[in-house]
N, C-alpha and C. Protein backbone atom coordinates (compact mmCIF):
# COMPACT_ATOMS: atom_id res chain seq x y z
N MET A 1 0.83 30.64 2.09
CA MET A 1 -0.80 29.89 2.47
C MET A 1 -1.06 31.05 3.46
N ASP A 2 -2.33 30.96 3.54
CA ASP A 2 -2.88 31.83 4.18
C ASP A 2 -2.92 31.52 5.95
N GLU A 3 -3.37 32.26 6.57
CA GLU A 3 -3.42 31.83 8.57
C GLU A 3 -4.55 30.84 8.19
N ALA A 4 -5.48 30.53 7.55
CA ALA A 4 -6.77 30.50 7.32
C ALA A 4 -6.93 28.93 6.81
N GLU A 5 -5.63 29.17 5.92
CA GLU A 5 -5.60 27.67 4.85
C GLU A 5 -4.65 26.70 5.55
N THR A 6 -3.63 27.61 6.29
CA THR A 6 -2.50 26.41 7.30
C THR A 6 -2.85 26.09 8.33
N ASP A 7 -4.46 26.28 9.19
CA ASP A 7 -4.72 25.49 9.79
C ASP A 7 -6.39 25.18 9.77
N ALA A 8 -6.65 25.08 7.63
CA ALA A 8 -7.34 24.15 7.62
C ALA A 8 -5.83 22.94 7.41
N ALA A 9 -5.23 23.52 6.19
CA ALA A 9 -4.06 22.32 6.70
C ALA A 9 -3.74 21.27 7.93
N VAL A 10 -3.26 21.94 8.87
CA VAL A 10 -3.37 21.39 9.84
C VAL A 10 -4.11 20.54 10.83
N SER A 11 -4.87 21.40 10.72
CA SER A 11 -6.87 20.41 11.12
C SER A 11 -6.80 19.08 9.87
N ALA A 12 -6.72 18.44 8.69
CA ALA A 12 -6.50 17.88 7.95
C ALA A 12 -5.67 17.13 8.33
N MET A 13 -4.90 17.52 8.44
CA MET A 13 -3.71 16.44 9.04
C MET A 13 -3.52 15.53 10.39
N ARG A 14 -3.89 16.57 11.16
CA ARG A 14 -4.58 16.04 12.08
C ARG A 14 -5.55 14.70 11.91
N ALA A 15 -6.88 15.63 11.74
CA ALA A 15 -8.18 14.35 12.30
C ALA A 15 -7.46 13.02 10.90
N VAL A 16 -7.03 12.80 9.53
CA VAL A 16 -6.71 11.90 9.28
C VAL A 16 -5.07 10.81 10.13
N ALA A 17 -5.01 11.76 10.68
CA ALA A 17 -3.21 11.40 11.77
C ALA A 17 -3.56 9.91 12.91
N HIS A 18 -4.92 9.55 12.80
CA HIS A 18 -5.13 8.47 13.51
C HIS A 18 -5.73 7.46 13.30
N PRO A 19 -5.38 6.18 13.72
CA PRO A 19 -6.00 5.05 13.12
C PRO A 19 -6.41 4.71 12.54
N VAL A 20 -8.14 4.88 13.11
CA VAL A 20 -9.69 4.24 13.25
C VAL A 20 -9.85 5.41 12.03
N ARG A 21 -9.34 6.88 11.91
CA ARG A 21 -10.01 7.67 10.81
C ARG A 21 -9.20 6.26 9.80
N LEU A 22 -7.88 6.76 9.67
CA LEU A 22 -7.26 5.92 8.85
C LEU A 22 -7.76 5.22 7.61
N GLN A 23 -8.86 3.61 8.77
CA GLN A 23 -9.34 3.33 8.21
C GLN A 23 -10.40 2.67 8.18
N MET A 24 -10.87 4.07 8.64
CA MET A 24 -12.86 4.99 7.90
C MET A 24 -12.26 5.48 6.76
N LEU A 25 -11.25 5.51 6.38
CA LEU A 25 -10.64 6.40 5.19
C LEU A 25 -10.86 5.16 4.42
N SER A 26 -10.16 4.06 4.56
CA SER A 26 -10.43 3.36 3.25
C SER A 26 -11.63 2.92 3.48
N LEU A 27 -12.31 2.52 4.30
CA LEU A 27 -13.62 1.87 4.24
C LEU A 27 -14.44 2.25 3.32
N LEU A 28 -14.39 3.88 3.69
CA LEU A 28 -15.40 4.20 2.57
C LEU A 28 -15.55 5.31 1.47
N THR A 29 -13.72 4.63 0.60
CA THR A 29 -13.48 4.73 -0.42
C THR A 29 -13.55 4.12 -1.10
N GLY A 30 -14.13 2.96 -1.36
CA GLY A 30 -15.54 1.81 -1.57
C GLY A 30 -16.80 1.73 -1.83
N THR A 31 -17.30 2.06 -0.68
CA THR A 31 -19.08 2.41 -0.37
C THR A 31 -19.21 3.50 0.22
N GLU A 32 -20.28 4.25 0.41
CA GLU A 32 -21.44 4.20 1.60
C GLU A 32 -21.76 4.26 2.53
N MET A 33 -20.91 4.64 4.10
CA MET A 33 -21.23 4.46 4.58
C MET A 33 -22.45 5.03 6.02
N SER A 34 -23.43 4.08 6.32
CA SER A 34 -23.75 5.48 8.11
C SER A 34 -23.19 4.57 8.99
N ALA A 35 -22.75 5.84 10.44
CA ALA A 35 -22.01 5.08 11.33
C ALA A 35 -22.75 4.22 11.80
N ALA A 36 -23.85 3.18 11.73
CA ALA A 36 -23.95 2.02 12.30
C ALA A 36 -22.56 1.24 11.58
N GLU A 37 -23.08 1.26 10.11
CA GLU A 37 -22.29 0.14 9.07
C GLU A 37 -20.90 0.18 9.98
N VAL A 38 -20.42 1.35 9.49
CA VAL A 38 -18.63 1.67 9.82
C VAL A 38 -18.45 0.93 11.33
N ALA A 39 -19.34 1.96 12.27
CA ALA A 39 -19.22 1.07 13.62
C ALA A 39 -19.19 -0.12 13.48
N ARG A 40 -20.69 -1.07 12.99
CA ARG A 40 -20.38 -2.65 13.07
C ARG A 40 -18.66 -3.49 12.25
N GLU A 41 -18.35 -2.54 11.07
CA GLU A 41 -17.27 -3.33 10.47
C GLU A 41 -15.59 -2.63 11.08
N LEU A 42 -15.44 -1.75 11.71
CA LEU A 42 -14.30 -1.94 12.20
C LEU A 42 -14.66 -2.14 13.95
N ASP A 43 -15.94 -2.68 14.58
CA ASP A 43 -16.15 -3.10 15.54
C ASP A 43 -15.55 -1.92 16.94
N LEU A 44 -16.35 -0.37 16.62
CA LEU A 44 -16.64 0.20 17.29
C LEU A 44 -18.09 0.53 17.80
N THR A 45 -18.10 0.93 18.87
CA THR A 45 -19.09 1.68 19.65
C THR A 45 -19.76 2.44 18.21
N HIS A 46 -21.15 2.65 18.33
CA HIS A 46 -21.59 3.70 17.76
C HIS A 46 -21.42 5.19 17.70
N ALA A 47 -21.11 5.55 19.00
CA ALA A 47 -21.13 6.86 18.99
C ALA A 47 -19.49 7.01 18.70
N ASN A 48 -18.71 6.85 19.51
CA ASN A 48 -17.74 6.09 18.70
C ASN A 48 -17.17 6.76 17.89
N ALA A 49 -17.43 5.85 16.18
CA ALA A 49 -17.71 5.97 15.50
C ALA A 49 -18.06 7.21 14.72
N SER A 50 -19.41 7.78 15.71
CA SER A 50 -20.32 9.28 14.56
C SER A 50 -18.93 10.06 14.69
N TYR A 51 -18.39 10.24 16.52
CA TYR A 51 -17.66 10.74 16.22
C TYR A 51 -16.45 11.65 15.76
N HIS A 52 -16.04 9.99 15.18
CA HIS A 52 -14.66 10.48 13.78
C HIS A 52 -15.64 10.62 13.02
N LEU A 53 -16.35 10.40 12.47
CA LEU A 53 -16.99 10.67 11.34
C LEU A 53 -16.80 12.48 10.75
N ARG A 54 -17.39 12.45 11.91
CA ARG A 54 -17.80 14.27 12.44
C ARG A 54 -16.65 14.72 12.34
N VAL A 55 -15.20 13.99 12.76
CA VAL A 55 -13.50 14.98 12.83
C VAL A 55 -13.99 14.77 11.34
N LEU A 56 -13.37 14.18 10.63
CA LEU A 56 -13.18 14.15 9.20
C LEU A 56 -13.93 14.45 8.60
N LEU A 57 -15.25 14.29 8.93
CA LEU A 57 -16.26 15.65 7.50
C LEU A 57 -16.32 17.06 7.43
N ASP A 58 -15.29 17.79 8.99
CA ASP A 58 -15.59 18.63 10.22
C ASP A 58 -13.80 19.28 8.39
N ALA A 59 -13.29 18.10 9.25
CA ALA A 59 -11.71 18.57 7.94
C ALA A 59 -11.86 18.12 6.64
N ASP A 60 -13.10 17.81 6.02
CA ASP A 60 -13.50 18.19 4.62
C ASP A 60 -13.13 17.06 3.72
N GLU A 61 -12.51 15.97 4.58
CA GLU A 61 -11.75 14.40 4.36
C GLU A 61 -12.96 13.97 3.75
N ILE A 62 -14.22 13.63 3.92
CA ILE A 62 -15.53 12.98 3.62
C ILE A 62 -16.20 14.25 3.50
N VAL A 63 -17.53 12.88 2.37
CA VAL A 63 -18.09 14.12 2.37
C VAL A 63 -19.84 13.32 2.96
N VAL A 64 -20.94 14.09 3.03
CA VAL A 64 -22.56 13.08 3.74
C VAL A 64 -22.94 13.08 2.12
N ALA A 65 -22.75 11.79 1.50
CA ALA A 65 -23.63 11.14 0.31
C ALA A 65 -24.91 11.28 0.26
N GLY A 66 -26.04 10.92 1.28
CA GLY A 66 -27.55 10.98 1.45
C GLY A 66 -27.71 10.58 2.95
N GLU A 67 -28.96 10.71 2.88
CA GLU A 67 -29.41 10.37 3.70
C GLU A 67 -30.54 9.14 3.95
N GLU A 68 -31.12 8.40 4.78
CA GLU A 68 -31.75 7.20 4.65
C GLU A 68 -32.38 7.27 6.14
N LYS A 69 -33.72 6.43 5.63
CA LYS A 69 -34.76 6.26 6.86
C LYS A 69 -34.21 5.34 8.16
N ILE A 70 -33.64 5.39 9.09
CA ILE A 70 -34.49 3.86 9.44
C ILE A 70 -34.73 4.26 10.98
N ARG A 71 -35.64 2.38 10.82
CA ARG A 71 -36.55 2.76 12.19
C ARG A 71 -36.95 4.54 12.42
N GLY A 72 -37.56 5.52 12.09
CA GLY A 72 -38.34 6.59 12.30
C GLY A 72 -36.94 7.43 12.70
N GLY A 73 -36.00 7.56 12.12
CA GLY A 73 -34.69 8.02 11.89
C GLY A 73 -34.30 8.49 10.98
N VAL A 74 -33.25 9.89 10.95
CA VAL A 74 -32.46 9.47 9.54
C VAL A 74 -31.03 9.68 9.92
N ALA A 75 -30.28 8.51 8.61
CA ALA A 75 -29.07 8.72 9.07
C ALA A 75 -28.49 9.15 7.74
N LYS A 76 -27.06 9.68 7.77
CA LYS A 76 -25.73 10.04 7.00
C LYS A 76 -25.37 8.98 6.89
N ARG A 77 -25.19 9.09 5.41
CA ARG A 77 -24.77 8.26 4.64
C ARG A 77 -22.94 8.73 4.34
N TYR A 78 -22.03 8.42 4.22
CA TYR A 78 -20.82 8.94 4.32
C TYR A 78 -19.77 8.29 2.97
N ARG A 79 -18.81 9.47 2.58
CA ARG A 79 -18.34 8.14 1.56
C ARG A 79 -16.78 9.32 1.44
N TYR A 80 -15.86 8.93 0.97
CA TYR A 80 -14.29 9.63 0.78
C TYR A 80 -14.88 9.83 -0.66
N PRO A 81 -14.45 11.14 -0.87
CA PRO A 81 -14.50 11.48 -2.02
C PRO A 81 -13.59 11.50 -3.01
N LEU A 82 -14.26 10.39 -3.83
CA LEU A 82 -12.48 9.49 -4.65
C LEU A 82 -12.36 10.90 -6.31
N GLU A 83 -13.75 11.38 -6.35
CA GLU A 83 -13.32 12.29 -7.58
C GLU A 83 -12.58 13.45 -7.74
N ARG A 84 -12.06 13.67 -6.21
CA ARG A 84 -10.98 14.86 -6.01
C ARG A 84 -9.48 13.92 -6.46
N GLY A 85 -9.27 13.01 -6.80
CA GLY A 85 -8.09 12.58 -7.06
C GLY A 85 -6.96 12.49 -6.05
N GLY A 86 -7.65 12.54 -4.53
CA GLY A 86 -6.56 12.13 -3.66
C GLY A 86 -5.55 13.72 -3.17
N ASP A 87 -5.96 14.48 -4.33
CA ASP A 87 -5.46 16.16 -4.69
C ASP A 87 -5.48 16.71 -3.52
N HIS A 88 -7.36 16.61 -2.31
CA HIS A 88 -7.53 17.65 -2.12
C HIS A 88 -6.93 19.11 -1.10
N ARG A 89 -6.20 17.54 -0.35
CA ARG A 89 -5.66 18.53 0.95
C ARG A 89 -4.77 19.19 0.41
N LYS A 90 -4.40 19.97 0.96
CA LYS A 90 -3.41 21.21 0.53
C LYS A 90 -1.45 20.86 1.45
N ASP A 91 -0.90 21.27 0.91
CA ASP A 91 0.50 20.17 1.84
C ASP A 91 0.18 21.32 3.39
N PRO A 92 1.03 19.52 3.96
CA PRO A 92 0.81 20.54 5.71
C PRO A 92 1.26 21.34 5.71
N ALA A 93 0.76 22.10 6.97
CA ALA A 93 1.03 23.46 7.56
C ALA A 93 3.24 23.59 7.74
N THR A 94 3.36 22.73 8.52
CA THR A 94 4.45 22.25 9.50
C THR A 94 5.04 20.80 9.11
N LEU A 95 6.69 20.89 9.06
CA LEU A 95 6.98 18.63 9.09
C LEU A 95 6.87 18.26 9.98
N ASP A 96 6.56 18.85 11.44
CA ASP A 96 6.08 18.44 12.07
C ASP A 96 4.49 17.45 12.30
N ASP A 97 3.39 17.97 11.69
CA ASP A 97 2.32 17.68 10.77
C ASP A 97 3.10 16.68 10.13
N GLN A 98 3.53 15.92 9.32
CA GLN A 98 3.56 15.41 8.08
C GLN A 98 4.41 13.99 8.76
N VAL A 99 5.40 14.72 9.69
CA VAL A 99 6.20 13.20 10.03
C VAL A 99 4.84 12.64 11.61
N PHE A 100 3.61 13.25 12.27
CA PHE A 100 3.06 12.85 12.63
C PHE A 100 2.15 11.86 12.36
N TYR A 101 2.02 12.42 10.75
CA TYR A 101 0.83 11.61 9.60
C TYR A 101 1.64 10.54 9.38
N ALA A 102 2.84 10.13 9.18
CA ALA A 102 3.78 9.33 8.73
C ALA A 102 3.33 8.00 10.00
N ARG A 103 3.78 8.53 10.91
CA ARG A 103 4.16 7.64 11.89
C ARG A 103 3.06 7.10 12.05
N ALA A 104 1.42 7.51 11.89
CA ALA A 104 -0.14 7.06 12.44
C ALA A 104 -0.41 6.16 10.93
N VAL A 105 0.71 6.82 9.62
CA VAL A 105 0.04 4.89 8.83
C VAL A 105 0.92 4.42 8.69
N ALA A 106 2.69 4.21 9.18
CA ALA A 106 3.34 3.46 9.52
C ALA A 106 2.63 2.39 10.67
N LEU A 107 2.13 2.52 11.64
CA LEU A 107 1.56 2.16 12.67
C LEU A 107 -0.01 1.37 12.45
N GLU A 108 -0.89 2.32 11.22
CA GLU A 108 -1.53 1.12 10.42
C GLU A 108 -1.65 -0.11 9.15
N VAL A 109 0.01 0.41 8.89
CA VAL A 109 0.40 -0.71 7.96
C VAL A 109 1.14 -1.80 9.16
N GLU A 110 1.62 -1.64 9.58
CA GLU A 110 1.97 -2.60 11.08
C GLU A 110 0.44 -3.06 10.94
N ARG A 111 -0.35 -2.47 11.13
CA ARG A 111 -1.88 -3.44 11.85
C ARG A 111 -2.57 -4.33 10.30
N ARG A 112 -1.70 -4.12 9.06
CA ARG A 112 -2.64 -3.92 8.22
C ARG A 112 -1.62 -5.86 7.30
N ILE A 113 0.04 -5.39 8.52
CA ILE A 113 0.78 -7.08 7.99
C ILE A 113 0.61 -7.98 8.89
N GLN A 114 0.74 -7.58 10.03
CA GLN A 114 -0.13 -9.02 11.38
C GLN A 114 -1.76 -9.67 10.45
N LEU A 115 -2.02 -8.63 9.29
CA LEU A 115 -2.97 -9.55 8.83
C LEU A 115 -2.99 -10.38 7.59
N ARG A 116 -1.80 -10.38 7.28
CA ARG A 116 -1.30 -10.64 6.20
C ARG A 116 -1.04 -12.10 5.94
N PRO A 117 -2.35 -12.89 5.26
CA PRO A 117 -1.13 -14.89 5.12
C PRO A 117 0.37 -14.54 4.68
N ARG A 118 0.83 -15.54 5.09
CA ARG A 118 1.78 -15.51 4.79
C ARG A 118 1.77 -16.47 3.62
N SER A 119 1.15 -17.16 3.14
CA SER A 119 1.08 -17.55 1.64
C SER A 119 1.37 -16.87 1.20
N THR A 120 0.93 -15.68 0.47
CA THR A 120 0.22 -14.44 -0.66
C THR A 120 1.20 -13.66 -0.94
N PRO A 121 1.67 -13.63 -1.92
CA PRO A 121 2.36 -12.87 -2.42
C PRO A 121 2.11 -11.40 -2.29
N ASN A 122 3.64 -10.11 -2.52
CA ASN A 122 3.36 -9.20 -1.85
C ASN A 122 4.40 -8.35 -3.25
N VAL A 123 4.06 -6.83 -2.69
CA VAL A 123 5.06 -6.44 -2.87
C VAL A 123 5.96 -5.06 -2.67
N SER A 124 6.68 -4.96 -2.27
CA SER A 124 7.38 -3.85 -1.32
C SER A 124 8.42 -3.54 -1.52
N SER A 125 9.11 -2.32 -1.20
CA SER A 125 9.87 -1.39 -2.26
C SER A 125 10.51 0.04 -1.12
N ASP A 126 11.68 0.35 -0.97
CA ASP A 126 12.11 1.28 0.15
C ASP A 126 13.45 1.59 -0.46
N LEU A 127 13.74 2.88 -0.82
CA LEU A 127 14.73 3.47 -2.15
C LEU A 127 14.85 4.90 -1.63
N GLU A 128 16.56 5.49 -1.42
CA GLU A 128 16.63 6.54 -1.34
C GLU A 128 17.72 6.89 -1.87
N GLY A 129 17.24 6.95 -3.58
CA GLY A 129 18.61 7.44 -5.04
C GLY A 129 18.43 8.48 -5.33
N TRP A 130 18.71 7.93 -6.71
CA TRP A 130 18.60 9.42 -8.03
C TRP A 130 18.68 9.31 -8.84
N VAL A 131 17.26 9.41 -9.47
CA VAL A 131 17.55 9.45 -11.14
C VAL A 131 16.99 10.53 -11.82
N ASP A 132 17.02 10.50 -12.92
CA ASP A 132 16.97 11.12 -13.88
C ASP A 132 15.19 11.56 -13.96
N PRO A 133 14.94 13.55 -13.60
CA PRO A 133 13.98 13.72 -14.04
C PRO A 133 12.56 12.74 -14.37
N GLU A 134 13.16 12.58 -15.49
CA GLU A 134 12.13 11.78 -16.43
C GLU A 134 11.65 10.36 -15.75
N THR A 135 12.55 9.77 -15.72
CA THR A 135 12.29 8.41 -14.94
C THR A 135 11.29 8.74 -13.58
N TRP A 136 11.58 9.83 -12.77
CA TRP A 136 10.76 10.23 -11.47
C TRP A 136 9.43 10.43 -11.82
N ASP A 137 9.71 11.18 -12.77
CA ASP A 137 8.24 12.04 -13.45
C ASP A 137 6.47 10.50 -13.76
N ARG A 138 7.81 9.51 -14.51
CA ARG A 138 7.06 8.24 -14.64
C ARG A 138 6.69 7.29 -13.74
N ALA A 139 7.77 7.12 -12.66
CA ALA A 139 6.88 6.91 -11.97
C ALA A 139 6.64 6.95 -10.75
N ARG A 140 6.05 8.31 -10.91
CA ARG A 140 5.19 9.26 -9.83
C ARG A 140 4.28 8.97 -10.37
N ALA A 141 3.96 9.53 -12.11
CA ALA A 141 3.19 9.20 -12.39
C ALA A 141 2.34 7.06 -12.36
N LEU A 142 3.04 6.35 -12.68
CA LEU A 142 2.66 4.74 -12.52
C LEU A 142 1.82 5.07 -10.81
N MET A 143 2.23 5.80 -10.05
CA MET A 143 1.96 4.91 -8.63
C MET A 143 0.58 6.24 -8.10
N GLN A 144 0.56 7.14 -9.32
CA GLN A 144 -0.75 7.68 -8.65
C GLN A 144 -1.73 7.19 -9.79
N GLU A 145 -1.13 6.70 -10.97
CA GLU A 145 -2.63 5.65 -11.85
C GLU A 145 -2.62 4.53 -11.11
N ALA A 146 -2.10 4.10 -9.71
CA ALA A 146 -2.31 2.71 -9.53
C ALA A 146 -2.80 2.75 -7.93
N ALA A 147 -3.08 3.99 -7.38
CA ALA A 147 -3.66 3.71 -6.74
C ALA A 147 -4.97 4.55 -6.72
N MET A 148 -4.98 5.18 -7.80
CA MET A 148 -6.32 5.29 -8.28
C MET A 148 -7.47 4.38 -8.65
N MET A 149 -6.36 3.20 -9.52
CA MET A 149 -7.42 2.15 -10.34
C MET A 149 -7.63 1.23 -8.64
N LEU A 150 -6.69 1.21 -8.14
CA LEU A 150 -7.30 0.43 -6.91
C LEU A 150 -8.45 0.98 -5.65
N HIS A 151 -8.41 2.48 -5.21
CA HIS A 151 -9.27 3.80 -4.94
C HIS A 151 -10.41 3.26 -5.90
N ALA A 152 -10.68 3.64 -6.79
CA ALA A 152 -11.56 3.37 -8.15
C ALA A 152 -12.25 1.72 -8.00
N ALA A 153 -11.81 0.46 -7.61
CA ALA A 153 -11.77 -0.37 -8.13
C ALA A 153 -12.22 -0.75 -6.15
N ASN A 154 -12.24 -0.31 -5.73
CA ASN A 154 -12.92 -1.05 -3.78
C ASN A 154 -14.39 -0.65 -3.75
N ARG A 155 -14.68 -1.84 -2.79
CA ARG A 155 -15.98 -2.42 -2.48
C ARG A 155 -16.37 -2.35 -1.75
N ALA A 156 -17.20 -2.60 -1.18
CA ALA A 156 -18.09 -2.78 0.69
C ALA A 156 -17.61 -3.76 0.74
N PRO A 157 -17.11 -3.17 2.34
CA PRO A 157 -16.15 -4.85 2.97
C PRO A 157 -17.09 -6.20 2.47
N ARG A 158 -16.62 -7.71 2.34
CA ARG A 158 -16.95 -8.76 1.97
C ARG A 158 -17.94 -8.76 1.26
N THR A 159 -17.63 -8.14 -0.62
CA THR A 159 -18.39 -8.06 -1.08
C THR A 159 -18.02 -9.33 -2.11
N PRO A 160 -19.23 -10.20 -2.20
CA PRO A 160 -18.34 -11.14 -3.02
C PRO A 160 -17.79 -10.91 -4.26
N GLY A 161 -16.42 -11.79 -4.28
CA GLY A 161 -16.15 -11.64 -5.60
C GLY A 161 -14.94 -10.66 -5.45
N THR A 162 -14.03 -10.68 -4.53
CA THR A 162 -13.35 -9.61 -4.18
C THR A 162 -12.11 -10.16 -3.03
N VAL A 163 -11.30 -9.57 -3.07
CA VAL A 163 -9.99 -9.66 -1.62
C VAL A 163 -9.53 -9.02 -1.62
N HIS A 164 -9.50 -8.89 0.70
CA HIS A 164 -8.95 -7.45 1.10
C HIS A 164 -7.90 -7.52 0.82
N VAL A 165 -7.46 -6.42 0.24
CA VAL A 165 -5.80 -6.04 -0.38
C VAL A 165 -5.59 -4.72 0.90
N SER A 166 -4.42 -3.80 0.74
CA SER A 166 -3.75 -3.37 1.79
C SER A 166 -2.71 -2.93 0.24
N ALA A 167 -2.47 -1.40 -0.05
CA ALA A 167 -1.73 -0.99 -0.57
C ALA A 167 -1.88 0.69 -0.14
N THR A 168 -0.25 0.96 0.22
CA THR A 168 0.05 1.86 1.03
C THR A 168 1.13 2.56 0.11
N SER A 169 1.36 3.73 -0.30
CA SER A 169 2.30 4.56 -1.11
C SER A 169 2.94 5.54 -1.15
N TRP A 170 4.40 6.27 -0.94
CA TRP A 170 4.43 7.18 -0.49
C TRP A 170 6.17 7.62 -1.30
N ALA A 171 5.85 8.40 -2.48
CA ALA A 171 6.49 8.64 -2.56
C ALA A 171 7.42 10.46 -2.64
N PHE A 172 8.23 11.39 -2.70
CA PHE A 172 8.59 12.59 -2.62
C PHE A 172 9.75 12.57 -3.45
N GLN A 173 10.33 13.82 -3.91
CA GLN A 173 11.33 14.71 -4.18
C GLN A 173 11.98 15.44 -2.90
N MET A 174 13.44 14.82 -3.00
CA MET A 174 13.90 15.15 -1.50
C MET A 174 15.61 15.99 -1.78
N GLU A 175 15.44 17.07 -0.82
CA GLU A 175 15.91 18.21 -1.29
C GLU A 175 17.75 17.52 -1.72
N GLN A 176 18.20 18.62 -2.41
CA GLN A 176 19.94 18.59 -2.34
C GLN A 176 20.25 17.59 -1.51
N PRO A 177 21.63 16.68 -0.62
CA PRO A 177 22.23 17.51 0.74
C PRO A 177 23.01 18.17 0.85
């Protein structure tokens, strides 16, 4: 990775390693939204929502999906580019950046867990283990398929006939000790 690619990877990792921007990415996977709509959904000021959206846009995490005329002005509509398959980001430049991102995701998962009704079923798993390469390849492929299925089916907040869900996964091969 050359210096420009490294800088871009670090910028992208830092852009998404923020609780508000993680929430925005989730929202924008299900629908195109303007800064005003994102602000209302996340209970932010319009200026704050616009700032965070610009950070995500500059880091190539979201795209402008179109524009619409609103009260004499023009509002951009943003979305997460699902067609990239979640693989558009290069590996972060440093281990510190990966850890920073993991901590931000952990805080976001903690926030979501507090919103979970105790009466609903959930799935959770944690493993540090040793499996054969075929099992690892199959499990990783199934996790990717499940993630893409949920992202593709994600809809605008509070769409009739939908349920509010959280799905976070992280799987990676470890170095031999």
